[in-house]
């Protein structure tokens, strides 16, 4: 790794979303790089299109990216009501950059953001990284059930 840069974007990430800005606020084709990061590193986020990604960013409360020079290698976001609840979403580190502590950096940046720092509960869902999140203080919860209405089920 050469030079790692963490970017905490403004709410809705207008620079990233509208202008594709990366490190040092330089145009970096960042939206295309984010789409590629999802496609190559997150089975659950494959095939998102740019329009969907822009809408997702616009409606997110906190957005964090990690860059190695001009390469986008990490992403995370959260939504929150700023009082009671926050949910972490789409935590992704490129496969080549995993096991370097970058996931922890993203989680800490999200949790320490002023809009999340004082909420009562922070939720997240994971398919295969439970142990990672437990190391960071999250607990499995047997008192609540995850219910899902998949509105895309059956669509091709």
N, C-alpha and C. Protein backbone atom coordinates (compact mmCIF):
# COMPACT_ATOMS: atom_id res chain seq x y z
N UNK A 1 0.85 -1.19 0.00
CA UNK A 1 0.00 0.00 0.00
C UNK A 1 0.89 1.24 0.00
N UNK A 2 0.56 2.13 -0.83
CA UNK A 2 1.34 3.35 -0.88
C UNK A 2 0.73 4.38 0.06
N UNK A 3 -0.14 5.22 -0.42
CA UNK A 3 -0.73 6.24 0.43
C UNK A 3 -2.24 6.01 0.54
N UNK A 4 -2.69 5.74 1.76
CA UNK A 4 -4.10 5.49 2.01
C UNK A 4 -4.77 6.80 2.43
N UNK A 5 -5.92 7.08 1.83
CA UNK A 5 -6.69 8.28 2.15
C UNK A 5 -8.11 7.89 2.53
N UNK A 6 -8.56 8.35 3.69
CA UNK A 6 -9.94 8.17 4.13
C UNK A 6 -10.69 9.45 3.81
N UNK A 7 -11.83 9.33 3.15
CA UNK A 7 -12.66 10.50 2.87
C UNK A 7 -14.00 10.32 3.56
N UNK A 8 -14.34 11.28 4.41
CA UNK A 8 -15.68 11.35 5.00
C UNK A 8 -16.44 12.36 4.16
N UNK A 9 -17.35 11.88 3.35
CA UNK A 9 -18.08 12.72 2.41
C UNK A 9 -19.17 13.51 3.13
N UNK A 10 -19.57 14.61 2.54
CA UNK A 10 -20.71 15.37 3.04
C UNK A 10 -21.96 14.50 2.90
N UNK A 11 -22.98 14.79 3.68
CA UNK A 11 -24.23 14.05 3.60
C UNK A 11 -24.70 14.00 2.16
N UNK A 12 -25.03 12.81 1.69
CA UNK A 12 -25.46 12.64 0.30
C UNK A 12 -24.32 12.58 -0.70
N UNK A 13 -23.10 12.79 -0.24
CA UNK A 13 -21.88 12.71 -1.06
C UNK A 13 -22.01 13.42 -2.41
N UNK A 14 -22.34 14.72 -2.42
CA UNK A 14 -22.52 15.39 -3.71
C UNK A 14 -21.28 15.39 -4.60
N UNK A 15 -20.10 15.52 -4.03
CA UNK A 15 -18.88 15.52 -4.84
C UNK A 15 -18.66 14.18 -5.51
N UNK A 16 -18.84 13.12 -4.77
CA UNK A 16 -18.71 11.77 -5.30
C UNK A 16 -19.84 11.48 -6.28
N UNK A 17 -21.05 11.80 -5.87
CA UNK A 17 -22.25 11.44 -6.63
C UNK A 17 -22.38 12.23 -7.94
N UNK A 18 -22.13 13.52 -7.90
CA UNK A 18 -22.36 14.36 -9.07
C UNK A 18 -21.13 14.56 -9.95
N UNK A 19 -19.95 14.57 -9.32
CA UNK A 19 -18.74 14.90 -10.08
C UNK A 19 -17.69 13.79 -10.09
N UNK A 20 -17.95 12.69 -9.39
CA UNK A 20 -17.00 11.59 -9.37
C UNK A 20 -15.69 11.94 -8.70
N UNK A 21 -15.76 12.83 -7.69
CA UNK A 21 -14.54 13.28 -7.03
C UNK A 21 -13.97 12.23 -6.10
N UNK A 22 -12.65 12.16 -6.10
CA UNK A 22 -11.92 11.25 -5.22
C UNK A 22 -11.00 12.05 -4.31
N UNK A 23 -9.82 11.51 -4.02
CA UNK A 23 -8.87 12.19 -3.14
C UNK A 23 -8.51 13.58 -3.66
N UNK A 24 -8.32 14.50 -2.73
CA UNK A 24 -7.96 15.89 -3.02
C UNK A 24 -8.98 16.58 -3.90
N UNK A 25 -10.22 16.09 -3.85
CA UNK A 25 -11.34 16.64 -4.63
C UNK A 25 -11.05 16.69 -6.12
N UNK A 26 -10.29 15.71 -6.58
CA UNK A 26 -9.99 15.62 -8.01
C UNK A 26 -10.98 14.68 -8.68
N UNK A 27 -11.41 15.03 -9.90
CA UNK A 27 -12.26 14.09 -10.64
C UNK A 27 -11.52 12.77 -10.82
N UNK A 28 -12.16 11.68 -10.40
CA UNK A 28 -11.50 10.37 -10.38
C UNK A 28 -12.37 9.26 -10.95
N UNK A 29 -13.47 9.64 -11.62
CA UNK A 29 -14.40 8.63 -12.12
C UNK A 29 -14.85 7.73 -10.97
N UNK A 30 -15.07 8.35 -9.82
CA UNK A 30 -15.32 7.62 -8.57
C UNK A 30 -16.59 6.78 -8.60
N UNK A 31 -17.61 7.23 -9.29
CA UNK A 31 -18.84 6.44 -9.35
C UNK A 31 -18.62 5.13 -10.07
N UNK A 32 -17.89 5.18 -11.16
CA UNK A 32 -17.57 3.95 -11.89
C UNK A 32 -16.69 3.04 -11.03
N UNK A 33 -15.77 3.65 -10.28
CA UNK A 33 -14.90 2.86 -9.40
C UNK A 33 -15.70 2.23 -8.26
N UNK A 34 -16.70 2.93 -7.76
CA UNK A 34 -17.55 2.37 -6.71
C UNK A 34 -18.36 1.20 -7.26
N UNK A 35 -18.91 1.36 -8.43
CA UNK A 35 -19.65 0.27 -9.09
C UNK A 35 -18.75 -0.95 -9.27
N UNK A 36 -17.52 -0.74 -9.67
CA UNK A 36 -16.56 -1.82 -9.86
C UNK A 36 -16.20 -2.48 -8.51
N UNK A 37 -16.00 -1.66 -7.47
CA UNK A 37 -15.71 -2.20 -6.14
C UNK A 37 -16.83 -3.14 -5.69
N UNK A 38 -18.09 -2.72 -5.88
CA UNK A 38 -19.23 -3.57 -5.54
C UNK A 38 -19.22 -4.85 -6.36
N UNK A 39 -19.07 -4.71 -7.67
CA UNK A 39 -19.14 -5.88 -8.57
C UNK A 39 -18.05 -6.91 -8.27
N UNK A 40 -16.88 -6.45 -7.93
CA UNK A 40 -15.76 -7.37 -7.74
C UNK A 40 -15.63 -7.91 -6.32
N UNK A 41 -16.29 -7.28 -5.35
CA UNK A 41 -16.02 -7.63 -3.96
C UNK A 41 -17.24 -7.88 -3.08
N UNK A 42 -18.43 -7.75 -3.62
CA UNK A 42 -19.63 -7.92 -2.80
C UNK A 42 -20.73 -8.59 -3.63
N UNK A 43 -20.92 -9.87 -3.41
CA UNK A 43 -21.92 -10.61 -4.19
C UNK A 43 -23.31 -9.99 -4.04
N UNK A 44 -23.58 -9.41 -2.88
CA UNK A 44 -24.89 -8.83 -2.60
C UNK A 44 -25.07 -7.45 -3.23
N UNK A 45 -24.00 -6.89 -3.79
CA UNK A 45 -24.10 -5.55 -4.39
C UNK A 45 -23.75 -5.56 -5.87
N UNK A 46 -23.67 -6.74 -6.45
CA UNK A 46 -23.34 -6.84 -7.88
C UNK A 46 -24.44 -6.25 -8.74
N UNK A 47 -24.04 -5.73 -9.86
CA UNK A 47 -24.95 -5.25 -10.89
C UNK A 47 -25.80 -4.06 -10.49
N UNK A 48 -25.37 -3.29 -9.50
CA UNK A 48 -26.03 -2.01 -9.24
C UNK A 48 -25.63 -1.07 -10.37
N UNK A 49 -26.58 -0.28 -10.84
CA UNK A 49 -26.23 0.64 -11.91
C UNK A 49 -25.94 2.03 -11.34
N UNK A 50 -25.36 2.89 -12.16
CA UNK A 50 -24.95 4.22 -11.68
C UNK A 50 -26.13 5.02 -11.15
N UNK A 51 -27.26 4.93 -11.79
CA UNK A 51 -28.44 5.68 -11.33
C UNK A 51 -28.83 5.23 -9.93
N UNK A 52 -28.86 3.93 -9.69
CA UNK A 52 -29.20 3.40 -8.37
C UNK A 52 -28.17 3.82 -7.32
N UNK A 53 -26.91 3.77 -7.69
CA UNK A 53 -25.84 4.14 -6.76
C UNK A 53 -25.94 5.62 -6.40
N UNK A 54 -26.21 6.46 -7.38
CA UNK A 54 -26.38 7.89 -7.10
C UNK A 54 -27.54 8.13 -6.13
N UNK A 55 -28.64 7.45 -6.35
CA UNK A 55 -29.81 7.60 -5.47
C UNK A 55 -29.49 7.10 -4.06
N UNK A 56 -28.78 5.96 -3.97
CA UNK A 56 -28.37 5.41 -2.68
C UNK A 56 -27.52 6.43 -1.93
N UNK A 57 -26.52 7.00 -2.61
CA UNK A 57 -25.64 7.98 -1.98
C UNK A 57 -26.41 9.20 -1.52
N UNK A 58 -27.28 9.70 -2.37
CA UNK A 58 -28.06 10.90 -2.05
C UNK A 58 -28.86 10.72 -0.76
N UNK A 59 -29.33 9.50 -0.52
CA UNK A 59 -30.20 9.24 0.63
C UNK A 59 -29.47 8.63 1.82
N UNK A 60 -28.16 8.66 1.81
CA UNK A 60 -27.37 8.16 2.93
C UNK A 60 -26.94 9.31 3.83
N UNK A 61 -26.90 9.04 5.11
CA UNK A 61 -26.53 10.08 6.09
C UNK A 61 -25.03 10.26 6.19
N UNK A 62 -24.30 9.15 6.18
CA UNK A 62 -22.84 9.18 6.33
C UNK A 62 -22.24 8.27 5.27
N UNK A 63 -21.24 8.77 4.56
CA UNK A 63 -20.57 8.00 3.51
C UNK A 63 -19.06 8.15 3.71
N UNK A 64 -18.37 7.00 3.67
CA UNK A 64 -16.92 6.98 3.85
C UNK A 64 -16.31 6.17 2.71
N UNK A 65 -15.21 6.68 2.16
CA UNK A 65 -14.45 5.90 1.17
C UNK A 65 -12.99 5.86 1.58
N UNK A 66 -12.32 4.79 1.16
CA UNK A 66 -10.87 4.66 1.38
C UNK A 66 -10.21 4.47 0.02
N UNK A 67 -9.14 5.22 -0.18
CA UNK A 67 -8.43 5.22 -1.45
C UNK A 67 -6.97 4.87 -1.24
N UNK A 68 -6.39 4.15 -2.19
CA UNK A 68 -4.96 3.95 -2.29
C UNK A 68 -4.57 4.66 -3.58
N UNK A 69 -4.00 5.84 -3.42
CA UNK A 69 -3.74 6.72 -4.56
C UNK A 69 -5.07 7.00 -5.26
N UNK A 70 -5.20 6.63 -6.52
CA UNK A 70 -6.43 6.87 -7.28
C UNK A 70 -7.36 5.66 -7.29
N UNK A 71 -7.02 4.63 -6.53
CA UNK A 71 -7.81 3.40 -6.50
C UNK A 71 -8.74 3.38 -5.31
N UNK A 72 -10.03 3.22 -5.56
CA UNK A 72 -11.02 3.09 -4.50
C UNK A 72 -10.95 1.67 -3.96
N UNK A 73 -10.58 1.53 -2.68
CA UNK A 73 -10.39 0.20 -2.10
C UNK A 73 -11.33 -0.09 -0.92
N UNK A 74 -12.13 0.90 -0.51
CA UNK A 74 -13.04 0.68 0.60
C UNK A 74 -14.22 1.63 0.58
N UNK A 75 -15.34 1.17 1.10
CA UNK A 75 -16.56 1.98 1.12
C UNK A 75 -17.43 1.54 2.29
N UNK A 76 -18.17 2.48 2.85
CA UNK A 76 -19.18 2.19 3.86
C UNK A 76 -20.13 3.36 3.96
N UNK A 77 -21.34 3.07 4.38
CA UNK A 77 -22.33 4.15 4.53
C UNK A 77 -23.28 3.81 5.66
N UNK A 78 -24.05 4.81 6.08
CA UNK A 78 -25.02 4.62 7.15
C UNK A 78 -26.22 5.53 6.92
N UNK A 79 -27.35 5.11 7.46
CA UNK A 79 -28.53 5.96 7.53
C UNK A 79 -28.88 6.07 9.01
N UNK A 80 -29.49 7.18 9.39
CA UNK A 80 -29.78 7.39 10.81
C UNK A 80 -30.88 8.43 11.01
N UNK A 81 -31.59 8.31 12.14
CA UNK A 81 -32.51 9.36 12.57
C UNK A 81 -31.82 10.32 13.53
N UNK A 82 -30.56 10.07 13.85
CA UNK A 82 -29.69 10.89 14.69
C UNK A 82 -30.05 10.88 16.18
N UNK A 83 -31.02 10.05 16.56
CA UNK A 83 -31.41 9.98 17.97
C UNK A 83 -31.47 8.53 18.45
N UNK A 84 -32.30 7.75 17.80
CA UNK A 84 -32.57 6.40 18.28
C UNK A 84 -31.82 5.31 17.53
N UNK A 85 -31.80 5.39 16.22
CA UNK A 85 -31.27 4.28 15.43
C UNK A 85 -30.39 4.76 14.28
N UNK A 86 -29.43 3.88 13.97
CA UNK A 86 -28.61 4.03 12.77
C UNK A 86 -28.41 2.63 12.21
N UNK A 87 -28.22 2.55 10.92
CA UNK A 87 -27.96 1.27 10.27
C UNK A 87 -26.73 1.45 9.37
N UNK A 88 -25.78 0.54 9.53
CA UNK A 88 -24.60 0.53 8.67
C UNK A 88 -24.91 -0.35 7.45
N UNK A 89 -24.46 0.14 6.30
CA UNK A 89 -24.76 -0.54 5.04
C UNK A 89 -23.51 -0.64 4.18
N UNK A 90 -23.48 -1.65 3.34
CA UNK A 90 -22.53 -1.71 2.21
C UNK A 90 -21.07 -1.52 2.62
N UNK A 91 -20.64 -2.17 3.68
CA UNK A 91 -19.24 -2.11 4.08
C UNK A 91 -18.45 -3.04 3.15
N UNK A 92 -17.56 -2.47 2.36
CA UNK A 92 -16.81 -3.26 1.37
C UNK A 92 -15.35 -2.84 1.36
N UNK A 93 -14.48 -3.83 1.41
CA UNK A 93 -13.04 -3.62 1.23
C UNK A 93 -12.62 -4.51 0.06
N UNK A 94 -11.83 -3.97 -0.86
CA UNK A 94 -11.39 -4.79 -1.98
C UNK A 94 -10.64 -6.01 -1.46
N UNK A 95 -10.79 -7.12 -2.15
CA UNK A 95 -10.19 -8.38 -1.69
C UNK A 95 -8.68 -8.25 -1.49
N UNK A 96 -8.02 -7.49 -2.35
CA UNK A 96 -6.56 -7.31 -2.24
C UNK A 96 -6.17 -6.51 -1.00
N UNK A 97 -7.11 -5.75 -0.45
CA UNK A 97 -6.80 -4.86 0.68
C UNK A 97 -7.37 -5.34 2.00
N UNK A 98 -7.95 -6.53 2.03
CA UNK A 98 -8.51 -7.04 3.27
C UNK A 98 -7.40 -7.49 4.21
N UNK A 99 -7.75 -7.57 5.49
CA UNK A 99 -6.83 -7.99 6.57
C UNK A 99 -5.73 -6.97 6.84
N UNK A 100 -6.00 -5.70 6.50
CA UNK A 100 -5.04 -4.63 6.77
C UNK A 100 -5.59 -3.62 7.78
N UNK A 101 -6.77 -3.90 8.33
CA UNK A 101 -7.39 -2.99 9.30
C UNK A 101 -8.27 -1.92 8.68
N UNK A 102 -8.48 -1.98 7.37
CA UNK A 102 -9.25 -0.93 6.70
C UNK A 102 -10.75 -1.02 7.01
N UNK A 103 -11.26 -2.24 7.18
CA UNK A 103 -12.67 -2.39 7.56
C UNK A 103 -12.94 -1.75 8.91
N UNK A 104 -12.02 -1.94 9.83
CA UNK A 104 -12.14 -1.33 11.17
C UNK A 104 -12.11 0.19 11.05
N UNK A 105 -11.27 0.71 10.19
CA UNK A 105 -11.20 2.16 9.99
C UNK A 105 -12.53 2.70 9.47
N UNK A 106 -13.14 1.99 8.53
CA UNK A 106 -14.44 2.42 7.99
C UNK A 106 -15.50 2.40 9.09
N UNK A 107 -15.58 1.31 9.83
CA UNK A 107 -16.59 1.20 10.90
C UNK A 107 -16.40 2.31 11.93
N UNK A 108 -15.17 2.53 12.36
CA UNK A 108 -14.91 3.58 13.36
C UNK A 108 -15.27 4.96 12.82
N UNK A 109 -14.96 5.22 11.56
CA UNK A 109 -15.31 6.52 10.96
C UNK A 109 -16.83 6.71 10.93
N UNK A 110 -17.56 5.66 10.59
CA UNK A 110 -19.03 5.76 10.57
C UNK A 110 -19.57 5.96 11.98
N UNK A 111 -19.11 5.16 12.94
CA UNK A 111 -19.63 5.23 14.31
C UNK A 111 -19.27 6.53 15.01
N UNK A 112 -18.15 7.15 14.63
CA UNK A 112 -17.72 8.39 15.27
C UNK A 112 -18.27 9.64 14.60
N UNK A 113 -19.01 9.47 13.53
CA UNK A 113 -19.63 10.63 12.88
C UNK A 113 -20.64 11.26 13.83
N UNK A 114 -20.73 12.58 13.82
CA UNK A 114 -21.61 13.28 14.77
C UNK A 114 -23.07 12.88 14.66
N UNK A 115 -23.53 12.44 13.49
CA UNK A 115 -24.93 12.07 13.34
C UNK A 115 -25.23 10.66 13.87
N UNK A 116 -24.20 9.89 14.16
CA UNK A 116 -24.39 8.52 14.65
C UNK A 116 -23.87 8.34 16.07
N UNK A 117 -22.91 9.16 16.44
CA UNK A 117 -22.19 8.99 17.71
C UNK A 117 -23.09 8.83 18.93
N UNK A 118 -24.23 9.51 18.96
CA UNK A 118 -25.05 9.46 20.17
C UNK A 118 -26.37 8.71 20.00
N UNK A 119 -26.55 7.97 18.91
CA UNK A 119 -27.79 7.19 18.78
C UNK A 119 -27.79 6.04 19.79
N UNK A 120 -28.99 5.58 20.14
CA UNK A 120 -29.11 4.49 21.11
C UNK A 120 -28.61 3.17 20.57
N UNK A 121 -28.97 2.82 19.33
CA UNK A 121 -28.61 1.52 18.78
C UNK A 121 -28.15 1.66 17.33
N UNK A 122 -27.13 0.87 17.01
CA UNK A 122 -26.61 0.81 15.64
C UNK A 122 -26.81 -0.62 15.16
N UNK A 123 -27.48 -0.74 14.06
CA UNK A 123 -27.76 -2.05 13.47
C UNK A 123 -26.87 -2.28 12.26
N UNK A 124 -26.62 -3.55 11.98
CA UNK A 124 -26.03 -3.94 10.71
C UNK A 124 -26.41 -5.38 10.44
N UNK A 125 -26.41 -5.73 9.18
CA UNK A 125 -26.68 -7.11 8.77
C UNK A 125 -25.46 -7.59 8.02
N UNK A 126 -25.11 -8.84 8.22
CA UNK A 126 -23.97 -9.40 7.50
C UNK A 126 -24.27 -10.86 7.15
N UNK A 127 -23.70 -11.27 6.04
CA UNK A 127 -23.89 -12.64 5.59
C UNK A 127 -22.74 -13.52 6.04
N UNK A 128 -21.52 -13.00 5.96
CA UNK A 128 -20.37 -13.86 6.22
C UNK A 128 -19.25 -13.19 7.01
N UNK A 129 -19.53 -12.09 7.69
CA UNK A 129 -18.47 -11.39 8.44
C UNK A 129 -18.82 -11.20 9.90
N UNK A 130 -19.63 -12.08 10.44
CA UNK A 130 -20.09 -11.95 11.83
C UNK A 130 -18.93 -11.80 12.81
N UNK A 131 -17.92 -12.65 12.69
CA UNK A 131 -16.79 -12.61 13.63
C UNK A 131 -16.06 -11.27 13.58
N UNK A 132 -15.93 -10.69 12.40
CA UNK A 132 -15.28 -9.38 12.26
C UNK A 132 -16.04 -8.33 13.07
N UNK A 133 -17.35 -8.29 12.92
CA UNK A 133 -18.14 -7.26 13.61
C UNK A 133 -18.19 -7.51 15.12
N UNK A 134 -18.18 -8.77 15.54
CA UNK A 134 -18.15 -9.07 16.98
C UNK A 134 -16.85 -8.53 17.59
N UNK A 135 -15.74 -8.65 16.87
CA UNK A 135 -14.46 -8.10 17.35
C UNK A 135 -14.54 -6.59 17.58
N UNK A 136 -15.44 -5.93 16.86
CA UNK A 136 -15.57 -4.47 16.96
C UNK A 136 -16.64 -4.05 17.97
N UNK A 137 -17.20 -5.02 18.70
CA UNK A 137 -18.15 -4.69 19.76
C UNK A 137 -19.61 -4.96 19.44
N UNK A 138 -19.92 -5.37 18.23
CA UNK A 138 -21.30 -5.70 17.89
C UNK A 138 -21.63 -7.05 18.51
N UNK A 139 -22.90 -7.25 18.82
CA UNK A 139 -23.35 -8.51 19.41
C UNK A 139 -24.46 -9.10 18.57
N UNK A 140 -24.48 -10.42 18.50
CA UNK A 140 -25.62 -11.07 17.87
C UNK A 140 -26.81 -10.88 18.81
N UNK A 141 -27.98 -10.63 18.22
CA UNK A 141 -29.15 -10.33 19.02
C UNK A 141 -30.20 -11.41 18.81
N UNK A 142 -30.54 -12.09 19.89
CA UNK A 142 -31.56 -13.15 19.79
C UNK A 142 -32.94 -12.63 20.21
N UNK A 143 -33.02 -11.36 20.58
CA UNK A 143 -34.29 -10.79 21.04
C UNK A 143 -35.11 -10.19 19.91
N UNK A 144 -34.50 -10.03 18.76
CA UNK A 144 -35.21 -9.47 17.62
C UNK A 144 -35.02 -10.41 16.43
N UNK A 145 -35.96 -10.35 15.52
CA UNK A 145 -35.88 -11.15 14.30
C UNK A 145 -35.68 -10.22 13.12
N UNK A 146 -34.87 -10.66 12.19
CA UNK A 146 -34.73 -9.95 10.93
C UNK A 146 -35.83 -10.44 10.01
N UNK A 147 -36.69 -9.54 9.62
CA UNK A 147 -37.76 -9.86 8.68
C UNK A 147 -37.43 -9.16 7.37
N UNK A 148 -37.73 -9.80 6.27
CA UNK A 148 -37.34 -9.27 4.97
C UNK A 148 -38.49 -9.41 3.99
N UNK A 149 -38.81 -8.33 3.32
CA UNK A 149 -39.74 -8.34 2.20
C UNK A 149 -38.90 -8.04 0.96
N UNK A 150 -38.61 -9.06 0.18
CA UNK A 150 -37.77 -8.90 -1.00
C UNK A 150 -38.66 -8.53 -2.19
N UNK A 151 -38.70 -7.24 -2.50
CA UNK A 151 -39.55 -6.75 -3.57
C UNK A 151 -39.02 -7.08 -4.96
N UNK A 152 -37.80 -7.58 -5.02
CA UNK A 152 -37.21 -7.98 -6.31
C UNK A 152 -37.29 -9.47 -6.55
N UNK A 153 -37.77 -10.21 -5.58
CA UNK A 153 -37.86 -11.67 -5.72
C UNK A 153 -38.79 -12.01 -6.88
N UNK A 154 -38.31 -12.89 -7.74
CA UNK A 154 -39.11 -13.28 -8.89
C UNK A 154 -38.93 -12.41 -10.11
N UNK A 155 -38.25 -11.25 -9.94
CA UNK A 155 -37.98 -10.37 -11.08
C UNK A 155 -36.70 -10.81 -11.75
N UNK A 156 -36.65 -10.69 -13.04
CA UNK A 156 -35.41 -11.03 -13.75
C UNK A 156 -34.73 -9.82 -14.28
